[in-house]
Protein backbone atom coordinates (compact mmCIF):
# COMPACT_ATOMS: atom_id res chain seq x y z
CA MET A 1 -59.24 -49.60 -50.68
CA ASP A 2 -59.71 -45.86 -50.12
CA LYS A 3 -59.37 -43.64 -53.47
CA HIS A 4 -59.27 -40.31 -51.07
CA LYS A 5 -55.79 -39.29 -50.62
CA ALA A 6 -54.63 -38.98 -47.08
CA PRO A 7 -54.27 -35.47 -46.08
CA THR A 8 -50.24 -34.46 -46.23
CA ARG A 9 -48.84 -34.49 -42.58
CA LEU A 10 -47.21 -31.25 -41.58
CA SER A 11 -44.07 -33.03 -40.76
CA ASP A 12 -44.22 -33.75 -44.34
CA LEU A 13 -44.34 -30.13 -45.87
CA SER A 14 -41.29 -27.99 -46.49
CA ASP A 15 -40.34 -25.36 -45.01
CA ALA A 16 -41.75 -22.91 -47.47
CA GLN A 17 -45.25 -25.18 -47.80
CA LEU A 18 -45.59 -24.97 -43.88
CA ALA A 19 -44.79 -21.14 -43.97
CA ASP A 20 -47.14 -20.62 -46.40
CA GLU A 21 -49.57 -22.34 -43.63
CA VAL A 22 -48.49 -20.23 -41.14
CA ARG A 23 -49.57 -17.29 -43.00
CA LYS A 24 -53.27 -19.07 -43.46
CA GLY A 25 -53.39 -18.96 -39.87
CA ASN A 26 -52.78 -22.82 -39.05
CA GLN A 27 -51.14 -22.62 -35.58
CA ALA A 28 -50.64 -26.23 -35.78
CA ALA A 29 -47.98 -25.47 -38.52
CA PHE A 30 -46.26 -22.81 -36.56
CA GLU A 31 -45.83 -25.44 -33.95
CA GLU A 32 -44.39 -27.89 -36.43
CA MET A 33 -41.85 -24.99 -37.58
CA THR A 34 -40.87 -24.17 -34.28
CA ALA A 35 -39.84 -27.82 -33.41
CA ARG A 36 -37.75 -28.01 -36.46
CA TYR A 37 -36.38 -24.79 -35.95
CA GLN A 38 -35.55 -24.35 -31.82
CA GLY A 39 -32.24 -25.50 -32.48
CA LEU A 40 -31.40 -22.68 -34.89
CA ILE A 41 -32.78 -20.14 -32.76
CA SER A 42 -31.49 -21.50 -29.59
CA LEU A 43 -27.68 -21.65 -31.14
CA VAL A 44 -28.02 -18.24 -32.20
CA ALA A 45 -29.50 -16.80 -28.97
CA SER A 46 -26.39 -18.02 -27.37
CA ARG A 47 -24.03 -15.95 -28.89
CA TYR A 48 -25.90 -12.76 -27.97
CA SER A 49 -26.43 -11.00 -24.56
CA ALA A 50 -28.15 -8.03 -23.11
CA ALA A 51 -28.63 -6.70 -20.28
CA GLY A 52 -31.95 -7.74 -18.51
CA PHE A 53 -32.19 -10.20 -20.93
CA ASP A 54 -31.54 -13.76 -20.43
CA HIS A 55 -31.41 -16.95 -23.13
CA SER A 56 -34.84 -17.09 -22.99
CA ASP A 57 -36.06 -13.99 -23.87
CA PHE A 58 -33.91 -14.26 -26.74
CA MET A 59 -35.54 -17.30 -27.40
CA GLN A 60 -39.19 -15.51 -27.03
CA GLU A 61 -37.56 -12.57 -29.57
CA GLY A 62 -36.34 -15.91 -32.05
CA LEU A 63 -39.79 -17.65 -32.09
CA LEU A 64 -41.31 -13.94 -33.22
CA ALA A 65 -38.39 -13.40 -35.61
CA LEU A 66 -39.35 -17.35 -37.10
CA LEU A 67 -43.11 -15.79 -36.42
CA SER A 68 -42.35 -12.54 -39.06
CA ALA A 69 -40.55 -14.84 -41.25
CA CYS A 70 -42.99 -17.61 -41.92
CA LYS A 71 -45.61 -14.01 -42.29
CA ALA A 72 -43.41 -11.98 -44.77
CA TYR A 73 -41.59 -14.98 -47.16
CA LYS A 74 -43.19 -16.19 -50.76
CA ALA A 75 -41.17 -18.84 -52.11
CA GLU A 76 -42.15 -18.09 -55.77
CA GLU A 77 -40.46 -13.92 -55.11
CA SER A 78 -37.95 -15.05 -52.50
CA LYS A 79 -33.77 -15.70 -53.98
CA ALA A 80 -33.01 -17.09 -50.83
CA SER A 81 -34.93 -21.00 -49.29
CA PHE A 82 -36.68 -20.10 -46.28
CA ARG A 83 -34.15 -21.55 -43.97
CA THR A 84 -31.65 -18.89 -45.22
CA TYR A 85 -34.00 -15.98 -44.96
CA ALA A 86 -35.70 -17.07 -41.36
CA GLY A 87 -31.69 -17.27 -39.82
CA VAL A 88 -31.34 -13.51 -41.25
CA CYS A 89 -34.49 -12.40 -39.38
CA ILE A 90 -33.67 -14.19 -36.15
CA SER A 91 -30.18 -12.63 -36.48
CA ASN A 92 -31.57 -9.20 -37.28
CA ARG A 93 -34.08 -9.54 -34.23
CA PHE A 94 -31.36 -10.04 -31.86
CA LEU A 95 -29.03 -7.62 -33.31
CA SER A 96 -31.91 -5.26 -33.25
CA VAL A 97 -32.37 -5.46 -29.30
CA ILE A 98 -29.25 -5.28 -28.70
CA ARG A 99 -29.20 -1.78 -30.30
CA SER A 100 -32.51 -1.12 -28.60
CA ALA A 101 -30.46 -2.09 -25.10
CA ALA A 102 -27.19 0.00 -25.51
CA THR A 103 -29.43 3.17 -26.21
CA LYS A 104 -31.93 3.10 -24.00
CA GLY A 105 -29.20 1.46 -21.30
CA THR A 106 -32.07 -1.87 -20.48
CA ILE A 107 -34.72 -3.68 -22.21
CA PRO A 108 -37.74 -2.65 -21.22
CA PHE A 109 -40.46 -5.56 -20.14
CA ASP A 110 -43.20 -4.11 -22.90
CA ARG A 111 -40.82 -5.57 -25.48
CA ILE A 112 -41.95 -9.00 -24.86
CA VAL A 113 -44.58 -9.85 -25.75
CA PRO A 114 -46.77 -13.64 -25.87
CA ILE A 115 -46.57 -15.15 -29.52
CA GLU A 116 -50.50 -15.48 -29.61
CA ASP A 117 -51.10 -12.05 -29.40
CA MET A 118 -48.27 -10.91 -31.43
CA GLU A 119 -49.68 -9.51 -34.90
CA ILE A 120 -47.09 -8.84 -37.92
CA SER A 121 -47.29 -5.82 -39.93
CA ASP A 122 -45.96 -5.38 -43.03
CA SER A 123 -45.13 -2.14 -42.12
CA ASN A 124 -41.73 -2.71 -41.96
CA GLN A 125 -41.29 -4.56 -45.07
CA THR A 126 -39.96 -1.31 -47.03
CA ASN A 127 -38.80 0.76 -44.20
CA PRO A 128 -35.34 2.12 -45.75
CA GLU A 129 -33.76 1.96 -41.86
CA THR A 130 -34.66 -1.59 -42.16
CA LEU A 131 -33.65 -2.48 -44.96
CA ILE A 132 -29.88 -1.15 -44.07
CA ILE A 133 -30.30 -2.61 -40.70
CA GLU A 134 -31.07 -6.18 -42.29
CA GLN A 135 -28.33 -5.73 -44.67
CA GLU A 136 -25.44 -4.86 -41.96
CA SER A 137 -26.77 -7.79 -40.00
CA SER A 138 -26.29 -9.78 -42.98
CA ARG A 139 -22.77 -8.61 -43.85
CA LEU A 140 -22.10 -9.14 -40.03
CA LEU A 141 -23.20 -12.84 -40.09
CA ALA A 142 -21.64 -13.92 -43.36
CA ARG A 143 -18.17 -12.57 -42.47
CA LEU A 144 -18.75 -14.39 -39.57
CA ILE A 145 -19.12 -17.37 -40.89
CA ARG A 146 -16.69 -17.13 -43.42
CA ASP A 147 -14.18 -16.06 -40.53
CA ARG A 148 -14.90 -19.53 -38.43
CA LEU A 149 -15.67 -22.19 -41.09
CA SER A 150 -12.99 -24.22 -43.85
CA GLU A 151 -13.97 -23.72 -47.39
CA LEU A 152 -15.87 -27.25 -47.52
CA GLU A 153 -17.62 -26.20 -44.01
CA MET A 154 -18.69 -23.61 -46.33
CA LYS A 155 -19.70 -25.64 -49.48
CA VAL A 156 -21.22 -28.25 -47.44
CA LEU A 157 -23.19 -25.16 -45.22
CA ARG A 158 -24.19 -23.37 -48.49
CA LEU A 159 -25.96 -26.48 -49.81
CA TYR A 160 -27.70 -27.51 -46.53
CA LEU A 161 -29.41 -23.75 -46.21
CA HIS A 162 -30.83 -24.43 -49.73
CA GLY A 163 -32.66 -27.76 -48.42
CA ASN A 164 -30.85 -29.95 -49.76
CA SER A 165 -30.54 -33.77 -48.26
CA TYR A 166 -27.11 -34.87 -46.12
CA THR A 167 -26.97 -37.40 -49.80
CA GLU A 168 -27.52 -34.20 -52.07
CA ILE A 169 -24.71 -32.48 -50.80
CA ALA A 170 -22.47 -36.12 -50.52
CA LYS A 171 -23.25 -36.37 -54.09
CA ARG A 172 -22.91 -32.50 -55.24
CA LEU A 173 -19.63 -32.37 -53.37
CA SER A 174 -18.08 -36.12 -54.75
CA THR A 175 -17.73 -36.62 -50.69
CA SER A 176 -19.78 -39.32 -48.29
CA THR A 177 -22.77 -38.45 -46.41
CA LYS A 178 -20.44 -39.17 -43.25
CA SER A 179 -18.00 -36.24 -43.97
CA VAL A 180 -21.53 -33.71 -44.82
CA ASP A 181 -22.37 -35.08 -41.30
CA ASN A 182 -19.07 -34.39 -39.55
CA ALA A 183 -19.41 -31.55 -41.53
CA LEU A 184 -22.18 -29.95 -40.15
CA GLN A 185 -21.45 -31.77 -37.00
CA ARG A 186 -18.40 -29.13 -37.00
CA ILE A 187 -20.34 -26.05 -37.97
CA ARG A 188 -22.55 -26.12 -35.41
CA LYS A 189 -19.43 -26.39 -32.70
CA LYS A 190 -18.01 -23.48 -34.27
CA LEU A 191 -20.91 -20.97 -34.70
CA ALA A 192 -22.42 -21.95 -31.01
CA GLU A 193 -18.60 -20.52 -29.79
């Protein structure tokens, strides 16, 4: 029997651990993260539109936001789960694209950069304008979610975004895993509208 521990598969890592691997330059970790978040990016992208920008463009912007979130997220310093942090980053990126399109009348194609050519700068991390835009975007997103979801759905979503499994959510809310699954399906439909 081999005494050496087999290397952990990327699919076994948490989102925060994967983000750490991406920050270290592990391309396979970003591919795994992309697979996990493609649905969320598509869901959020389906709610946005801008002149000269189609769904696939928003998907690319969403992937850039995901990469940026991976590079910036530090679990030990964050009060939010990676999923929450990434969701806000993705929404903020889309809102920024729309604001830019609104002021310029169209979106310049030079803003669309292949992911492999993207370098993340920390210069915007402390920019007051960026912080205000992020806070405003977060409030708008939170209001949209509160307006569309029931109290139970809000509780399920909060627990899910904090990384709880269906079983953990069911236990904490004293309900069945099927009820949790049904609530998450309703949430997806309501937020896709």
